[in-house]
PDB file of N, CA and C in Angstrom:
ATOM      1  N   MET A   1      -0.230   0.415  35.760  1.00  0.00           N
ATOM      2  CA  MET A   1      -1.182  -0.287  34.918  1.00  0.00           C
ATOM      3  C   MET A   1      -1.511   0.519  33.656  1.00  0.00           C
ATOM      4  N   THR A   2      -1.469   1.820  33.786  1.00  0.00           N
ATOM      5  CA  THR A   2      -1.771   2.674  32.649  1.00  0.00           C
ATOM      6  C   THR A   2      -0.738   2.493  31.550  1.00  0.00           C
ATOM      7  N   ASP A   3       0.523   2.342  31.931  1.00  0.00           N
ATOM      8  CA  ASP A   3       1.570   2.115  30.934  1.00  0.00           C
ATOM      9  C   ASP A   3       1.308   0.856  30.128  1.00  0.00           C
ATOM     10  N   PHE A   4       0.884  -0.191  30.799  1.00  0.00           N
ATOM     11  CA  PHE A   4       0.582  -1.442  30.114  1.00  0.00           C
ATOM     12  C   PHE A   4      -0.586  -1.249  29.146  1.00  0.00           C
ATOM     13  N   ASN A   5      -1.633  -0.571  29.587  1.00  0.00           N
ATOM     14  CA  ASN A   5      -2.801  -0.326  28.730  1.00  0.00           C
ATOM     15  C   ASN A   5      -2.431   0.546  27.536  1.00  0.00           C
ATOM     16  N   ASP A   6      -1.606   1.561  27.777  1.00  0.00           N
ATOM     17  CA  ASP A   6      -1.152   2.423  26.684  1.00  0.00           C
ATOM     18  C   ASP A   6      -0.344   1.633  25.667  1.00  0.00           C
ATOM     19  N   ARG A   7       0.527   0.783  26.162  1.00  0.00           N
ATOM     20  CA  ARG A   7       1.350  -0.042  25.273  1.00  0.00           C
ATOM     21  C   ARG A   7       0.472  -1.003  24.472  1.00  0.00           C
ATOM     22  N   GLU A   8      -0.514  -1.580  25.130  1.00  0.00           N
ATOM     23  CA  GLU A   8      -1.422  -2.506  24.447  1.00  0.00           C
ATOM     24  C   GLU A   8      -2.195  -1.787  23.336  1.00  0.00           C
ATOM     25  N   ARG A   9      -2.694  -0.595  23.637  1.00  0.00           N
ATOM     26  CA  ARG A   9      -3.421   0.179  22.619  1.00  0.00           C
ATOM     27  C   ARG A   9      -2.505   0.562  21.460  1.00  0.00           C
ATOM     28  N   ALA A  10      -1.274   0.910  21.773  1.00  0.00           N
ATOM     29  CA  ALA A  10      -0.319   1.271  20.726  1.00  0.00           C
ATOM     30  C   ALA A  10      -0.016   0.073  19.832  1.00  0.00           C
ATOM     31  N   GLU A  11       0.138  -1.095  20.431  1.00  0.00           N
ATOM     32  CA  GLU A  11       0.387  -2.311  19.646  1.00  0.00           C
ATOM     33  C   GLU A  11      -0.808  -2.645  18.759  1.00  0.00           C
ATOM     34  N   GLU A  12      -2.009  -2.494  19.287  1.00  0.00           N
ATOM     35  CA  GLU A  12      -3.214  -2.754  18.491  1.00  0.00           C
ATOM     36  C   GLU A  12      -3.322  -1.769  17.331  1.00  0.00           C
ATOM     37  N   ALA A  13      -3.007  -0.511  17.592  1.00  0.00           N
ATOM     38  CA  ALA A  13      -3.061   0.508  16.538  1.00  0.00           C
ATOM     39  C   ALA A  13      -2.020   0.219  15.460  1.00  0.00           C
ATOM     40  N   LYS A  14      -0.829  -0.186  15.872  1.00  0.00           N
ATOM     41  CA  LYS A  14       0.229  -0.517  14.909  1.00  0.00           C
ATOM     42  C   LYS A  14      -0.174  -1.726  14.069  1.00  0.00           C
ATOM     43  N   PHE A  15      -0.755  -2.734  14.703  1.00  0.00           N
ATOM     44  CA  PHE A  15      -1.209  -3.923  13.990  1.00  0.00           C
ATOM     45  C   PHE A  15      -2.251  -3.542  12.940  1.00  0.00           C
ATOM     46  N   ALA A  16      -3.222  -2.718  13.324  1.00  0.00           N
ATOM     47  CA  ALA A  16      -4.264  -2.289  12.382  1.00  0.00           C
ATOM     48  C   ALA A  16      -3.658  -1.474  11.242  1.00  0.00           C
ATOM     49  N   PHE A  17      -2.734  -0.585  11.569  1.00  0.00           N
ATOM     50  CA  PHE A  17      -2.070   0.240  10.564  1.00  0.00           C
ATOM     51  C   PHE A  17      -1.292  -0.626   9.581  1.00  0.00           C
ATOM     52  N   ASP A  18      -0.535  -1.595  10.098  1.00  0.00           N
ATOM     53  CA  ASP A  18       0.252  -2.487   9.242  1.00  0.00           C
ATOM     54  C   ASP A  18      -0.640  -3.324   8.333  1.00  0.00           C
ATOM     55  N   ASN A  19      -1.737  -3.828   8.874  1.00  0.00           N
ATOM     56  CA  ASN A  19      -2.663  -4.628   8.059  1.00  0.00           C
ATOM     57  C   ASN A  19      -3.311  -3.795   6.962  1.00  0.00           C
ATOM     58  N   GLU A  20      -3.699  -2.578   7.305  1.00  0.00           N
ATOM     59  CA  GLU A  20      -4.309  -1.703   6.312  1.00  0.00           C
ATOM     60  C   GLU A  20      -3.313  -1.362   5.200  1.00  0.00           C
ATOM     61  N   ASN A  21      -2.081  -1.092   5.579  1.00  0.00           N
ATOM     62  CA  ASN A  21      -1.058  -0.794   4.577  1.00  0.00           C
ATOM     63  C   ASN A  21      -0.756  -2.001   3.701  1.00  0.00           C
ATOM     64  N   ALA A  22      -0.709  -3.180   4.286  1.00  0.00           N
ATOM     65  CA  ALA A  22      -0.464  -4.395   3.500  1.00  0.00           C
ATOM     66  C   ALA A  22      -1.579  -4.580   2.468  1.00  0.00           C
ATOM     67  N   PHE A  23      -2.825  -4.333   2.865  1.00  0.00           N
ATOM     68  CA  PHE A  23      -3.959  -4.440   1.948  1.00  0.00           C
ATOM     69  C   PHE A  23      -3.836  -3.417   0.820  1.00  0.00           C
ATOM     70  N   ARG A  24      -3.496  -2.181   1.181  1.00  0.00           N
ATOM     71  CA  ARG A  24      -3.360  -1.125   0.168  1.00  0.00           C
ATOM     72  C   ARG A  24      -2.226  -1.429  -0.812  1.00  0.00           C
ATOM     73  N   ILE A  25      -1.124  -1.929  -0.291  1.00  0.00           N
ATOM     74  CA  ILE A  25       0.013  -2.263  -1.155  1.00  0.00           C
ATOM     75  C   ILE A  25      -0.373  -3.377  -2.117  1.00  0.00           C
ATOM     76  N   ALA A  26      -1.051  -4.405  -1.613  1.00  0.00           N
ATOM     77  CA  ALA A  26      -1.461  -5.526  -2.476  1.00  0.00           C
ATOM     78  C   ALA A  26      -2.439  -5.049  -3.551  1.00  0.00           C
ATOM     79  N   ALA A  27      -3.385  -4.205  -3.176  1.00  0.00           N
ATOM     80  CA  ALA A  27      -4.362  -3.706  -4.152  1.00  0.00           C
ATOM     81  C   ALA A  27      -3.667  -2.846  -5.217  1.00  0.00           C
ATOM     82  N   ARG A  28      -2.752  -1.987  -4.771  1.00  0.00           N
ATOM     83  CA  ARG A  28      -2.024  -1.143  -5.727  1.00  0.00           C
ATOM     84  C   ARG A  28      -1.139  -2.005  -6.624  1.00  0.00           C
ATOM     85  N   ARG A  29      -0.492  -3.004  -6.041  1.00  0.00           N
ATOM     86  CA  ARG A  29       0.351  -3.918  -6.827  1.00  0.00           C
ATOM     87  C   ARG A  29      -0.482  -4.601  -7.903  1.00  0.00           C
ATOM     88  N   ASN A  30      -1.648  -5.083  -7.530  1.00  0.00           N
ATOM     89  CA  ASN A  30      -2.508  -5.772  -8.489  1.00  0.00           C
ATOM     90  C   ASN A  30      -2.980  -4.838  -9.593  1.00  0.00           C
ATOM     91  N   ARG A  31      -3.256  -3.593  -9.243  1.00  0.00           N
ATOM     92  CA  ARG A  31      -3.669  -2.609 -10.251  1.00  0.00           C
ATOM     93  C   ARG A  31      -2.518  -2.358 -11.234  1.00  0.00           C
ATOM     94  N   LEU A  32      -1.314  -2.167 -10.696  1.00  0.00           N
ATOM     95  CA  LEU A  32      -0.143  -1.965 -11.551  1.00  0.00           C
ATOM     96  C   LEU A  32       0.120  -3.189 -12.420  1.00  0.00           C
ATOM     97  N   LEU A  33      -0.079  -4.353 -11.850  1.00  0.00           N
ATOM     98  CA  LEU A  33       0.116  -5.598 -12.586  1.00  0.00           C
ATOM     99  C   LEU A  33      -0.913  -5.724 -13.709  1.00  0.00           C
ATOM    100  N   GLY A  34      -2.146  -5.331 -13.423  1.00  0.00           N
ATOM    101  CA  GLY A  34      -3.179  -5.337 -14.459  1.00  0.00           C
ATOM    102  C   GLY A  34      -2.849  -4.384 -15.587  1.00  0.00           C
ATOM    103  N   GLN A  35      -2.300  -3.224 -15.250  1.00  0.00           N
ATOM    104  CA  GLN A  35      -1.899  -2.262 -16.279  1.00  0.00           C
ATOM    105  C   GLN A  35      -0.738  -2.802 -17.105  1.00  0.00           C
ATOM    106  N   TRP A  36       0.185  -3.473 -16.445  1.00  0.00           N
ATOM    107  CA  TRP A  36       1.326  -4.092 -17.141  1.00  0.00           C
ATOM    108  C   TRP A  36       0.830  -5.140 -18.136  1.00  0.00           C
ATOM    109  N   ALA A  37      -0.079  -6.011 -17.675  1.00  0.00           N
ATOM    110  CA  ALA A  37      -0.603  -7.069 -18.541  1.00  0.00           C
ATOM    111  C   ALA A  37      -1.433  -6.479 -19.685  1.00  0.00           C
ATOM    112  N   ALA A  38      -2.208  -5.456 -19.379  1.00  0.00           N
ATOM    113  CA  ALA A  38      -3.030  -4.815 -20.410  1.00  0.00           C
ATOM    114  C   ALA A  38      -2.160  -4.225 -21.515  1.00  0.00           C
ATOM    115  N   GLU A  39      -1.030  -3.667 -21.123  1.00  0.00           N
ATOM    116  CA  GLU A  39      -0.105  -3.129 -22.122  1.00  0.00           C
ATOM    117  C   GLU A  39       0.427  -4.249 -23.013  1.00  0.00           C
ATOM    118  N   LYS A  40       0.737  -5.384 -22.411  1.00  0.00           N
ATOM    119  CA  LYS A  40       1.226  -6.535 -23.188  1.00  0.00           C
ATOM    120  C   LYS A  40       0.162  -7.043 -24.159  1.00  0.00           C
ATOM    121  N   MET A  41      -1.117  -6.909 -23.748  1.00  0.00           N
ATOM    122  CA  MET A  41      -2.217  -7.381 -24.587  1.00  0.00           C
ATOM    123  C   MET A  41      -2.715  -6.297 -25.539  1.00  0.00           C
ATOM    124  N   SER A  42      -2.083  -5.129 -25.518  1.00  0.00           N
ATOM    125  CA  SER A  42      -2.442  -3.997 -26.388  1.00  0.00           C
ATOM    126  C   SER A  42      -3.893  -3.559 -26.208  1.00  0.00           C
ATOM    127  N   LEU A  43      -4.327  -3.450 -24.957  1.00  0.00           N
ATOM    128  CA  LEU A  43      -5.691  -3.014 -24.679  1.00  0.00           C
ATOM    129  C   LEU A  43      -5.783  -1.491 -24.767  1.00  0.00           C
ATOM    130  N   THR A  44      -6.977  -0.999 -25.023  1.00  0.00           N
ATOM    131  CA  THR A  44      -7.210   0.445 -25.060  1.00  0.00           C
ATOM    132  C   THR A  44      -7.165   0.989 -23.626  1.00  0.00           C
ATOM    133  N   ALA A  45      -7.198   2.309 -23.488  1.00  0.00           N
ATOM    134  CA  ALA A  45      -7.160   2.930 -22.160  1.00  0.00           C
ATOM    135  C   ALA A  45      -8.351   2.501 -21.306  1.00  0.00           C
ATOM    136  N   GLU A  46      -9.533   2.450 -21.915  1.00  0.00           N
ATOM    137  CA  GLU A  46     -10.732   2.043 -21.185  1.00  0.00           C
ATOM    138  C   GLU A  46     -10.647   0.567 -20.795  1.00  0.00           C
ATOM    139  N   GLU A  47     -10.183  -0.252 -21.710  1.00  0.00           N
ATOM    140  CA  GLU A  47     -10.035  -1.678 -21.424  1.00  0.00           C
ATOM    141  C   GLU A  47      -8.963  -1.913 -20.356  1.00  0.00           C
ATOM    142  N   THR A  48      -7.916  -1.107 -20.398  1.00  0.00           N
ATOM    143  CA  THR A  48      -6.850  -1.220 -19.400  1.00  0.00           C
ATOM    144  C   THR A  48      -7.384  -0.927 -18.011  1.00  0.00           C
ATOM    145  N   GLU A  49      -8.167   0.122 -17.885  1.00  0.00           N
ATOM    146  CA  GLU A  49      -8.746   0.482 -16.592  1.00  0.00           C
ATOM    147  C   GLU A  49      -9.645  -0.636 -16.070  1.00  0.00           C
ATOM    148  N   ALA A  50     -10.493  -1.166 -16.926  1.00  0.00           N
ATOM    149  CA  ALA A  50     -11.389  -2.257 -16.535  1.00  0.00           C
ATOM    150  C   ALA A  50     -10.600  -3.516 -16.179  1.00  0.00           C
ATOM    151  N   TYR A  51      -9.566  -3.797 -16.947  1.00  0.00           N
ATOM    152  CA  TYR A  51      -8.761  -4.993 -16.690  1.00  0.00           C
ATOM    153  C   TYR A  51      -8.004  -4.864 -15.369  1.00  0.00           C
ATOM    154  N   ALA A  52      -7.459  -3.689 -15.085  1.00  0.00           N
ATOM    155  CA  ALA A  52      -6.745  -3.480 -13.826  1.00  0.00           C
ATOM    156  C   ALA A  52      -7.685  -3.711 -12.641  1.00  0.00           C
ATOM    157  N   LYS A  53      -8.910  -3.247 -12.741  1.00  0.00           N
ATOM    158  CA  LYS A  53      -9.898  -3.477 -11.685  1.00  0.00           C
ATOM    159  C   LYS A  53     -10.217  -4.960 -11.558  1.00  0.00           C
ATOM    160  N   ALA A  54     -10.291  -5.663 -12.679  1.00  0.00           N
ATOM    161  CA  ALA A  54     -10.574  -7.102 -12.655  1.00  0.00           C
ATOM    162  C   ALA A  54      -9.454  -7.873 -11.961  1.00  0.00           C
ATOM    163  N   VAL A  55      -8.219  -7.437 -12.156  1.00  0.00           N
ATOM    164  CA  VAL A  55      -7.085  -8.101 -11.498  1.00  0.00           C
ATOM    165  C   VAL A  55      -7.156  -7.869  -9.991  1.00  0.00           C
ATOM    166  N   VAL A  56      -7.505  -6.652  -9.583  1.00  0.00           N
ATOM    167  CA  VAL A  56      -7.667  -6.375  -8.153  1.00  0.00           C
ATOM    168  C   VAL A  56      -8.752  -7.279  -7.579  1.00  0.00           C
ATOM    169  N   GLN A  57      -9.862  -7.420  -8.279  1.00  0.00           N
ATOM    170  CA  GLN A  57     -10.955  -8.270  -7.817  1.00  0.00           C
ATOM    171  C   GLN A  57     -10.558  -9.744  -7.761  1.00  0.00           C
ATOM    172  N   ALA A  58      -9.722 -10.158  -8.691  1.00  0.00           N
ATOM    173  CA  ALA A  58      -9.306 -11.568  -8.735  1.00  0.00           C
ATOM    174  C   ALA A  58      -8.561 -11.981  -7.475  1.00  0.00           C
ATOM    175  N   ASP A  59      -7.914 -11.025  -6.826  1.00  0.00           N
ATOM    176  CA  ASP A  59      -7.142 -11.340  -5.621  1.00  0.00           C
ATOM    177  C   ASP A  59      -8.023 -11.733  -4.456  1.00  0.00           C
ATOM    178  N   PHE A  60      -9.323 -11.464  -4.530  1.00  0.00           N
ATOM    179  CA  PHE A  60     -10.232 -11.807  -3.446  1.00  0.00           C
ATOM    180  C   PHE A  60     -10.759 -13.235  -3.540  1.00  0.00           C
ATOM    181  N   GLU A  61     -10.397 -13.965  -4.594  1.00  0.00           N
ATOM    182  CA  GLU A  61     -10.903 -15.319  -4.779  1.00  0.00           C
ATOM    183  C   GLU A  61     -10.350 -16.300  -3.756  1.00  0.00           C
ATOM    184  N   GLU A  62      -9.076 -16.165  -3.415  1.00  0.00           N
ATOM    185  CA  GLU A  62      -8.453 -17.054  -2.434  1.00  0.00           C
ATOM    186  C   GLU A  62      -7.259 -16.341  -1.808  1.00  0.00           C
ATOM    187  N   ALA A  63      -6.808 -16.862  -0.692  1.00  0.00           N
ATOM    188  CA  ALA A  63      -5.659 -16.260  -0.010  1.00  0.00           C
ATOM    189  C   ALA A  63      -4.395 -16.458  -0.852  1.00  0.00           C
ATOM    190  N   GLY A  64      -3.493 -15.503  -0.778  1.00  0.00           N
ATOM    191  CA  GLY A  64      -2.243 -15.600  -1.516  1.00  0.00           C
ATOM    192  C   GLY A  64      -2.351 -14.999  -2.895  1.00  0.00           C
ATOM    193  N   ASP A  65      -1.292 -15.195  -3.652  1.00  0.00           N
ATOM    194  CA  ASP A  65      -1.185 -14.579  -4.971  1.00  0.00           C
ATOM    195  C   ASP A  65      -1.517 -15.524  -6.124  1.00  0.00           C
ATOM    196  N   GLU A  66      -1.797 -16.773  -5.836  1.00  0.00           N
ATOM    197  CA  GLU A  66      -2.006 -17.756  -6.902  1.00  0.00           C
ATOM    198  C   GLU A  66      -3.179 -17.403  -7.796  1.00  0.00           C
ATOM    199  N   ASP A  67      -4.237 -16.838  -7.238  1.00  0.00           N
ATOM    200  CA  ASP A  67      -5.393 -16.463  -8.046  1.00  0.00           C
ATOM    201  C   ASP A  67      -5.037 -15.367  -9.048  1.00  0.00           C
ATOM    202  N   VAL A  68      -4.211 -14.431  -8.634  1.00  0.00           N
ATOM    203  CA  VAL A  68      -3.788 -13.346  -9.529  1.00  0.00           C
ATOM    204  C   VAL A  68      -2.871 -13.888 -10.626  1.00  0.00           C
ATOM    205  N   VAL A  69      -1.926 -14.723 -10.243  1.00  0.00           N
ATOM    206  CA  VAL A  69      -0.993 -15.308 -11.219  1.00  0.00           C
ATOM    207  C   VAL A  69      -1.771 -16.128 -12.243  1.00  0.00           C
ATOM    208  N   ARG A  70      -2.720 -16.929 -11.774  1.00  0.00           N
ATOM    209  CA  ARG A  70      -3.534 -17.756 -12.671  1.00  0.00           C
ATOM    210  C   ARG A  70      -4.319 -16.895 -13.661  1.00  0.00           C
ATOM    211  N   LYS A  71      -4.934 -15.821 -13.154  1.00  0.00           N
ATOM    212  CA  LYS A  71      -5.715 -14.949 -14.031  1.00  0.00           C
ATOM    213  C   LYS A  71      -4.829 -14.305 -15.088  1.00  0.00           C
ATOM    214  N   LEU A  72      -3.719 -13.725 -14.653  1.00  0.00           N
ATOM    215  CA  LEU A  72      -2.838 -13.050 -15.600  1.00  0.00           C
ATOM    216  C   LEU A  72      -2.285 -14.015 -16.635  1.00  0.00           C
ATOM    217  N   LEU A  73      -1.807 -15.144 -16.181  1.00  0.00           N
ATOM    218  CA  LEU A  73      -1.226 -16.122 -17.094  1.00  0.00           C
ATOM    219  C   LEU A  73      -2.266 -16.607 -18.099  1.00  0.00           C
ATOM    220  N   GLY A  74      -3.461 -16.883 -17.615  1.00  0.00           N
ATOM    221  CA  GLY A  74      -4.529 -17.332 -18.507  1.00  0.00           C
ATOM    222  C   GLY A  74      -4.929 -16.278 -19.517  1.00  0.00           C
ATOM    223  N   ASP A  75      -5.085 -15.051 -19.053  1.00  0.00           N
ATOM    224  CA  ASP A  75      -5.497 -13.963 -19.943  1.00  0.00           C
ATOM    225  C   ASP A  75      -4.414 -13.619 -20.961  1.00  0.00           C
ATOM    226  N   LEU A  76      -3.179 -13.563 -20.505  1.00  0.00           N
ATOM    227  CA  LEU A  76      -2.075 -13.248 -21.421  1.00  0.00           C
ATOM    228  C   LEU A  76      -1.908 -14.341 -22.471  1.00  0.00           C
ATOM    229  N   THR A  77      -1.988 -15.582 -22.055  1.00  0.00           N
ATOM    230  CA  THR A  77      -1.872 -16.703 -22.988  1.00  0.00           C
ATOM    231  C   THR A  77      -3.019 -16.687 -23.994  1.00  0.00           C
ATOM    232  N   ALA A  78      -4.239 -16.438 -23.499  1.00  0.00           N
ATOM    233  CA  ALA A  78      -5.408 -16.392 -24.382  1.00  0.00           C
ATOM    234  C   ALA A  78      -5.293 -15.254 -25.399  1.00  0.00           C
ATOM    235  N   ALA A  79      -4.605 -14.179 -25.019  1.00  0.00           N
ATOM    236  CA  ALA A  79      -4.437 -13.039 -25.917  1.00  0.00           C
ATOM    237  C   ALA A  79      -3.268 -13.241 -26.881  1.00  0.00           C
ATOM    238  N   GLY A  80      -2.594 -14.394 -26.784  1.00  0.00           N
ATOM    239  CA  GLY A  80      -1.511 -14.698 -27.704  1.00  0.00           C
ATOM    240  C   GLY A  80      -0.169 -14.097 -27.307  1.00  0.00           C
ATOM    241  N   VAL A  81      -0.056 -13.669 -26.048  1.00  0.00           N
ATOM    242  CA  VAL A  81       1.212 -13.112 -25.563  1.00  0.00           C
ATOM    243  C   VAL A  81       2.110 -14.271 -25.153  1.00  0.00           C
ATOM    244  N   ASP A  82       3.326 -14.270 -25.660  1.00  0.00           N
ATOM    245  CA  ASP A  82       4.291 -15.326 -25.339  1.00  0.00           C
ATOM    246  C   ASP A  82       4.918 -15.010 -23.979  1.00  0.00           C
ATOM    247  N   ILE A  83       4.398 -15.661 -22.934  1.00  0.00           N
ATOM    248  CA  ILE A  83       4.842 -15.380 -21.567  1.00  0.00           C
ATOM    249  C   ILE A  83       4.708 -16.644 -20.743  1.00  0.00           C
ATOM    250  N   ASP A  84       5.538 -16.765 -19.722  1.00  0.00           N
ATOM    251  CA  ASP A  84       5.435 -17.929 -18.849  1.00  0.00           C
ATOM    252  C   ASP A  84       5.206 -17.472 -17.409  1.00  0.00           C
ATOM    253  N   GLU A  85       4.974 -18.432 -16.545  1.00  0.00           N
ATOM    254  CA  GLU A  85       4.654 -18.138 -15.153  1.00  0.00           C
ATOM    255  C   GLU A  85       5.785 -17.383 -14.452  1.00  0.00           C
ATOM    256  N   ALA A  86       7.019 -17.716 -14.760  1.00  0.00           N
ATOM    257  CA  ALA A  86       8.161 -17.046 -14.126  1.00  0.00           C
ATOM    258  C   ALA A  86       8.167 -15.552 -14.451  1.00  0.00           C
ATOM    259  N   GLN A  87       7.820 -15.197 -15.665  1.00  0.00           N
ATOM    260  CA  GLN A  87       7.782 -13.784 -16.046  1.00  0.00           C
ATOM    261  C   GLN A  87       6.654 -13.053 -15.320  1.00  0.00           C
ATOM    262  N   VAL A  88       5.527 -13.715 -15.151  1.00  0.00           N
ATOM    263  CA  VAL A  88       4.408 -13.113 -14.425  1.00  0.00           C
ATOM    264  C   VAL A  88       4.793 -12.916 -12.962  1.00  0.00           C
ATOM    265  N   ARG A  89       5.416 -13.908 -12.369  1.00  0.00           N
ATOM    266  CA  ARG A  89       5.833 -13.790 -10.957  1.00  0.00           C
ATOM    267  C   ARG A  89       6.898 -12.702 -10.782  1.00  0.00           C
ATOM    268  N   LYS A  90       7.781 -12.562 -11.747  1.00  0.00           N
ATOM    269  CA  LYS A  90       8.796 -11.512 -11.683  1.00  0.00           C
ATOM    270  C   LYS A  90       8.122 -10.142 -11.736  1.00  0.00           C
ATOM    271  N   ALA A  91       7.152  -9.996 -12.618  1.00  0.00           N
ATOM    272  CA  ALA A  91       6.408  -8.733 -12.716  1.00  0.00           C
ATOM    273  C   ALA A  91       5.655  -8.468 -11.411  1.00  0.00           C
ATOM    274  N   LEU A  92       5.102  -9.510 -10.812  1.00  0.00           N
ATOM    275  CA  LEU A  92       4.395  -9.373  -9.542  1.00  0.00           C
ATOM    276  C   LEU A  92       5.332  -8.821  -8.469  1.00  0.00           C
ATOM    277  N   GLU A  93       6.531  -9.346  -8.388  1.00  0.00           N
ATOM    278  CA  GLU A  93       7.519  -8.861  -7.420  1.00  0.00           C
ATOM    279  C   GLU A  93       7.909  -7.412  -7.695  1.00  0.00           C
ATOM    280  N   GLU A  94       8.142  -7.092  -8.949  1.00  0.00           N
ATOM    281  CA  GLU A  94       8.532  -5.725  -9.315  1.00  0.00           C
ATOM    282  C   GLU A  94       7.419  -4.732  -9.001  1.00  0.00           C
ATOM    283  N   LYS A  95       6.194  -5.113  -9.300  1.00  0.00           N
ATOM    284  CA  LYS A  95       5.067  -4.219  -9.046  1.00  0.00           C
ATOM    285  C   LYS A  95       4.801  -4.079  -7.550  1.00  0.00           C
ATOM    286  N   ALA A  96       5.114  -5.099  -6.767  1.00  0.00           N
ATOM    287  CA  ALA A  96       4.970  -5.000  -5.311  1.00  0.00           C
ATOM    288  C   ALA A  96       5.928  -3.951  -4.760  1.00  0.00           C
ATOM    289  N   ILE A  97       7.139  -3.942  -5.261  1.00  0.00           N
ATOM    290  CA  ILE A  97       8.131  -2.941  -4.835  1.00  0.00           C
ATOM    291  C   ILE A  97       7.666  -1.544  -5.235  1.00  0.00           C
ATOM    292  N   GLU A  98       7.199  -1.422  -6.474  1.00  0.00           N
ATOM    293  CA  GLU A  98       6.720  -0.131  -6.963  1.00  0.00           C
ATOM    294  C   GLU A  98       5.517   0.356  -6.149  1.00  0.00           C
ATOM    295  N   ALA A  99       4.602  -0.539  -5.842  1.00  0.00           N
ATOM    296  CA  ALA A  99       3.411  -0.184  -5.064  1.00  0.00           C
ATOM    297  C   ALA A  99       3.795   0.280  -3.662  1.00  0.00           C
ATOM    298  N   ARG A 100       4.733  -0.421  -3.044  1.00  0.00           N
ATOM    299  CA  ARG A 100       5.194  -0.044  -1.698  1.00  0.00           C
ATOM    300  C   ARG A 100       5.824   1.353  -1.732  1.00  0.00           C
ATOM    301  N   ARG A 101       6.632   1.601  -2.732  1.00  0.00           N
ATOM    302  CA  ARG A 101       7.263   2.926  -2.852  1.00  0.00           C
ATOM    303  C   ARG A 101       6.213   4.014  -3.041  1.00  0.00           C
ATOM    304  N   GLN A 102       5.245   3.761  -3.907  1.00  0.00           N
ATOM    305  CA  GLN A 102       4.203   4.750  -4.152  1.00  0.00           C
ATOM    306  C   GLN A 102       3.419   5.052  -2.881  1.00  0.00           C
ATOM    307  N   LEU A 103       3.081   4.012  -2.140  1.00  0.00           N
ATOM    308  CA  LEU A 103       2.297   4.208  -0.920  1.00  0.00           C
ATOM    309  C   LEU A 103       3.105   4.941   0.142  1.00  0.00           C
ATOM    310  N   LEU A 104       4.365   4.565   0.306  1.00  0.00           N
ATOM    311  CA  LEU A 104       5.202   5.211   1.319  1.00  0.00           C
ATOM    312  C   LEU A 104       5.471   6.670   0.964  1.00  0.00           C
ATOM    313  N   ASP A 105       5.523   6.983  -0.321  1.00  0.00           N
ATOM    314  CA  ASP A 105       5.725   8.371  -0.734  1.00  0.00           C
ATOM    315  C   ASP A 105       4.528   9.251  -0.335  1.00  0.00           C
ATOM    316  N   LYS A 106       3.351   8.640  -0.244  1.00  0.00           N
ATOM    317  CA  LYS A 106       2.153   9.395   0.117  1.00  0.00           C
ATOM    318  C   LYS A 106       2.019   9.580   1.629  1.00  0.00           C
ATOM    319  N   LEU A 107       2.686   8.743   2.403  1.00  0.00           N
ATOM    320  CA  LEU A 107       2.552   8.844   3.870  1.00  0.00           C
ATOM    321  C   LEU A 107       3.327   9.966   4.452  1.00  0.00           C
TER     322      LEU A 107
END
């Protein structure tokens, strides 16, 4: 019975670890994405930092990535940047890979 309990605890710990890492990767991805968009909008260093935080916060509005894509697309368009949704989604994918690499390098 102890083996079963040990296995159950290990599975629960792995689940918690995986969920925490997924959250960290998404937050880091959003921060990198905010920095990418800020560069396109020619924001200052202080504005870039604030904007990156705003993008991270935008992800809490609803499940999935649509809230982040909507924010970036709206902000970039309002700033006069010639960009479409496909380019934003491509950047989102690229930044997700970069965020995962950065996080795994720290582990």
